[in-house]
Amino acid sequence: MDSKNLSPGKFATNYGLILGIILIVITAILYFTGMQLKGIQWPMYIYYLIFPVVIVYAISQYKKHNGNLLSLSDAIKTGLIIAVISAITFTVYNLIFNYFIDPEFNDKMMEVTREKLLENPKMTEEMVDKSIEMGKKFSNPFLTSTIWIALSAIFGLIYALIAGLAMKKEA
């Protein structure tokens, strides 16, 4: 690849899509196996490990394809674009899931949460109701998607900054 035609945006897009698809697959596994309703979250930890690995790997590949040169700015752009594209990819899936695939899923999650809260002898029915009411406010798919994109961007920035500082090599 000619280094003059290599932009961080074009380079990072595929990595962002791949990372978003990985998250969709993990989430689908959680849903179809019933782990999500049981509160089993360990598969998400795999994603939390894959996320920085993909960003660091992509930045190293960008450097390699750019004549072994890497500016901190290009590293940050690459990492941020990967993080945001992966989050947007997942957001599209999440909205489709919540509005078309299983529109009652959030209600099911709230019922499971209610049962778990009621198991705690220190929680009164009124306290549980208030907790569920608050949870419903924050379970709006658009709000959770916005938060997910913001958090992905923040962590993408952090990992890209670290990778960029470690791999930086300018002409």
Protein backbone atom coordinates (compact mmCIF):
# COMPACT_ATOMS: atom_id res chain seq x y z
CA MET A 1 0.00 0.00 0.00
CA ASP A 2 1.25 3.45 -0.84
CA SER A 3 1.75 5.38 2.38
CA LYS A 4 0.43 8.61 0.80
CA ASN A 5 -2.95 6.97 0.12
CA LEU A 6 -3.24 5.35 3.52
CA SER A 7 -5.57 7.24 5.82
CA PRO A 8 -6.31 6.13 9.39
CA GLY A 9 -10.05 6.26 8.67
CA LYS A 10 -9.99 3.92 5.70
CA PHE A 11 -7.56 1.60 7.42
CA ALA A 12 -9.50 1.42 10.69
CA THR A 13 -12.97 0.86 9.24
CA ASN A 14 -12.60 -2.90 8.68
CA TYR A 15 -11.13 -3.43 12.14
CA GLY A 16 -14.04 -1.50 13.65
CA LEU A 17 -16.57 -3.62 11.78
CA ILE A 18 -14.82 -6.82 12.83
CA LEU A 19 -14.77 -5.71 16.46
CA GLY A 20 -18.45 -4.77 16.30
CA ILE A 21 -19.33 -8.16 14.82
CA ILE A 22 -17.37 -9.92 17.58
CA LEU A 23 -19.44 -8.06 20.17
CA ILE A 24 -22.66 -8.95 18.36
CA VAL A 25 -21.69 -12.63 18.31
CA ILE A 26 -20.85 -12.62 22.04
CA THR A 27 -24.12 -10.85 22.86
CA ALA A 28 -26.10 -13.26 20.69
CA ILE A 29 -24.47 -16.21 22.46
CA LEU A 30 -25.41 -14.70 25.82
CA TYR A 31 -28.99 -14.25 24.63
CA PHE A 32 -29.52 -17.64 22.94
CA THR A 33 -27.94 -19.62 25.78
CA GLY A 34 -29.99 -17.75 28.37
CA MET A 35 -26.86 -16.53 30.16
CA GLN A 36 -27.96 -12.93 29.86
CA LEU A 37 -31.15 -13.48 31.84
CA LYS A 38 -29.18 -15.45 34.43
CA GLY A 39 -26.75 -12.56 34.86
CA ILE A 40 -23.76 -14.56 33.59
CA GLN A 41 -21.34 -12.01 32.20
CA TRP A 42 -17.99 -13.80 31.77
CA PRO A 43 -18.25 -13.93 27.95
CA MET A 44 -18.23 -10.13 27.96
CA TYR A 45 -14.84 -10.23 29.67
CA ILE A 46 -13.52 -11.89 26.52
CA TYR A 47 -14.67 -8.85 24.56
CA TYR A 48 -13.04 -6.53 27.09
CA LEU A 49 -9.76 -8.33 26.37
CA ILE A 50 -10.25 -8.43 22.59
CA PHE A 51 -11.07 -4.71 22.37
CA PRO A 52 -7.60 -3.35 23.26
CA VAL A 53 -5.85 -6.19 21.43
CA VAL A 54 -7.62 -5.32 18.16
CA ILE A 55 -6.85 -1.63 18.58
CA VAL A 56 -3.17 -2.20 19.32
CA TYR A 57 -2.87 -4.75 16.50
CA ALA A 58 -4.56 -2.42 14.01
CA ILE A 59 -2.28 0.45 14.96
CA SER A 60 0.76 -1.80 14.52
CA GLN A 61 -0.54 -2.89 11.10
CA TYR A 62 -1.16 0.72 10.14
CA LYS A 63 2.42 1.52 11.07
CA LYS A 64 3.69 -1.47 9.08
CA HIS A 65 1.69 -0.46 5.99
CA ASN A 66 2.82 3.15 6.36
CA GLY A 67 6.51 2.52 5.82
CA ASN A 68 7.08 1.78 9.52
CA LEU A 69 6.15 5.36 10.38
CA LEU A 70 3.50 6.30 12.91
CA SER A 71 2.55 9.64 14.35
CA LEU A 72 0.71 9.85 17.65
CA SER A 73 -2.10 11.63 15.83
CA ASP A 74 -2.55 8.77 13.34
CA ALA A 75 -2.48 6.20 16.14
CA ILE A 76 -5.19 8.07 18.05
CA LYS A 77 -7.31 8.51 14.91
CA THR A 78 -7.01 4.81 14.09
CA GLY A 79 -7.93 3.67 17.59
CA LEU A 80 -10.82 6.11 17.95
CA ILE A 81 -12.28 5.20 14.58
CA ILE A 82 -12.09 1.49 15.37
CA ALA A 83 -13.78 2.01 18.74
CA VAL A 84 -16.55 4.24 17.39
CA ILE A 85 -17.29 2.09 14.33
CA SER A 86 -17.45 -1.04 16.49
CA ALA A 87 -19.82 0.73 18.89
CA ILE A 88 -22.03 2.01 16.07
CA THR A 89 -22.12 -1.48 14.53
CA PHE A 90 -23.24 -2.92 17.85
CA THR A 91 -25.72 -0.07 18.36
CA VAL A 92 -27.45 -0.89 15.06
CA TYR A 93 -27.75 -4.53 16.17
CA ASN A 94 -28.90 -3.51 19.65
CA LEU A 95 -31.67 -1.29 18.29
CA ILE A 96 -32.82 -4.02 15.88
CA PHE A 97 -32.75 -6.52 18.74
CA ASN A 98 -34.70 -4.30 21.15
CA TYR A 99 -37.32 -3.12 18.67
CA PHE A 100 -37.76 -6.12 16.36
CA ILE A 101 -36.13 -9.35 17.57
CA ASP A 102 -37.22 -9.34 21.23
CA PRO A 103 -39.03 -6.13 22.22
CA GLU A 104 -39.95 -7.63 25.62
CA PHE A 105 -36.37 -8.50 26.56
CA ASN A 106 -35.85 -5.45 28.78
CA ASP A 107 -39.07 -6.28 30.65
CA LYS A 108 -37.80 -9.84 31.16
CA MET A 109 -34.51 -8.47 32.50
CA MET A 110 -36.37 -6.16 34.88
CA GLU A 111 -38.43 -9.09 36.19
CA VAL A 112 -35.29 -11.15 36.79
CA THR A 113 -33.74 -8.15 38.54
CA ARG A 114 -36.87 -7.73 40.68
CA GLU A 115 -36.69 -11.38 41.79
CA LYS A 116 -33.01 -11.07 42.67
CA LEU A 117 -33.61 -7.87 44.65
CA LEU A 118 -36.49 -9.47 46.56
CA GLU A 119 -34.13 -12.27 47.66
CA ASN A 120 -32.31 -9.67 49.76
CA PRO A 121 -34.04 -9.52 53.16
CA LYS A 122 -32.90 -5.92 53.65
CA MET A 123 -34.84 -4.75 50.59
CA THR A 124 -38.48 -3.82 51.07
CA GLU A 125 -41.03 -4.08 48.26
CA GLU A 126 -41.02 -0.28 48.00
CA MET A 127 -37.23 -0.18 47.67
CA VAL A 128 -37.36 -2.85 44.97
CA ASP A 129 -40.06 -0.92 43.08
CA LYS A 130 -37.96 2.26 43.17
CA SER A 131 -34.89 0.36 41.98
CA ILE A 132 -36.81 -1.21 39.10
CA GLU A 133 -38.32 2.16 38.17
CA MET A 134 -34.85 3.71 38.05
CA GLY A 135 -33.54 0.74 36.06
CA LYS A 136 -36.28 1.17 33.47
CA LYS A 137 -35.27 4.79 32.93
CA PHE A 138 -31.72 3.69 32.12
CA SER A 139 -32.66 0.66 30.02
CA ASN A 140 -33.84 2.74 27.06
CA PRO A 141 -31.99 1.34 24.01
CA PHE A 142 -31.15 4.81 22.68
CA LEU A 143 -29.68 5.91 26.01
CA THR A 144 -27.68 2.71 26.46
CA SER A 145 -26.45 2.96 22.86
CA THR A 146 -25.30 6.54 23.39
CA ILE A 147 -23.49 5.54 26.57
CA TRP A 148 -21.92 2.54 24.80
CA ILE A 149 -20.60 4.72 21.96
CA ALA A 150 -19.19 7.26 24.42
CA LEU A 151 -17.49 4.62 26.57
CA SER A 152 -16.08 2.86 23.52
CA ALA A 153 -14.65 6.16 22.28
CA ILE A 154 -13.09 6.91 25.67
CA PHE A 155 -11.49 3.49 26.02
CA GLY A 156 -10.48 3.50 22.35
CA LEU A 157 -8.75 6.82 22.94
CA ILE A 158 -6.93 5.49 26.01
CA TYR A 159 -5.71 2.32 24.29
CA ALA A 160 -4.76 4.20 21.12
CA LEU A 161 -2.84 6.78 23.12
CA ILE A 162 -0.88 4.09 24.94
CA ALA A 163 -0.20 2.17 21.71
CA GLY A 164 0.68 5.36 19.86
CA LEU A 165 3.16 6.45 22.52
CA ALA A 166 4.74 3.00 22.52
CA MET A 167 4.95 2.63 18.72
CA LYS A 168 5.43 6.25 17.61
CA LYS A 169 8.08 6.66 14.93
CA GLU A 170 8.08 9.76 12.80
CA ALA A 171 10.25 10.59 9.81
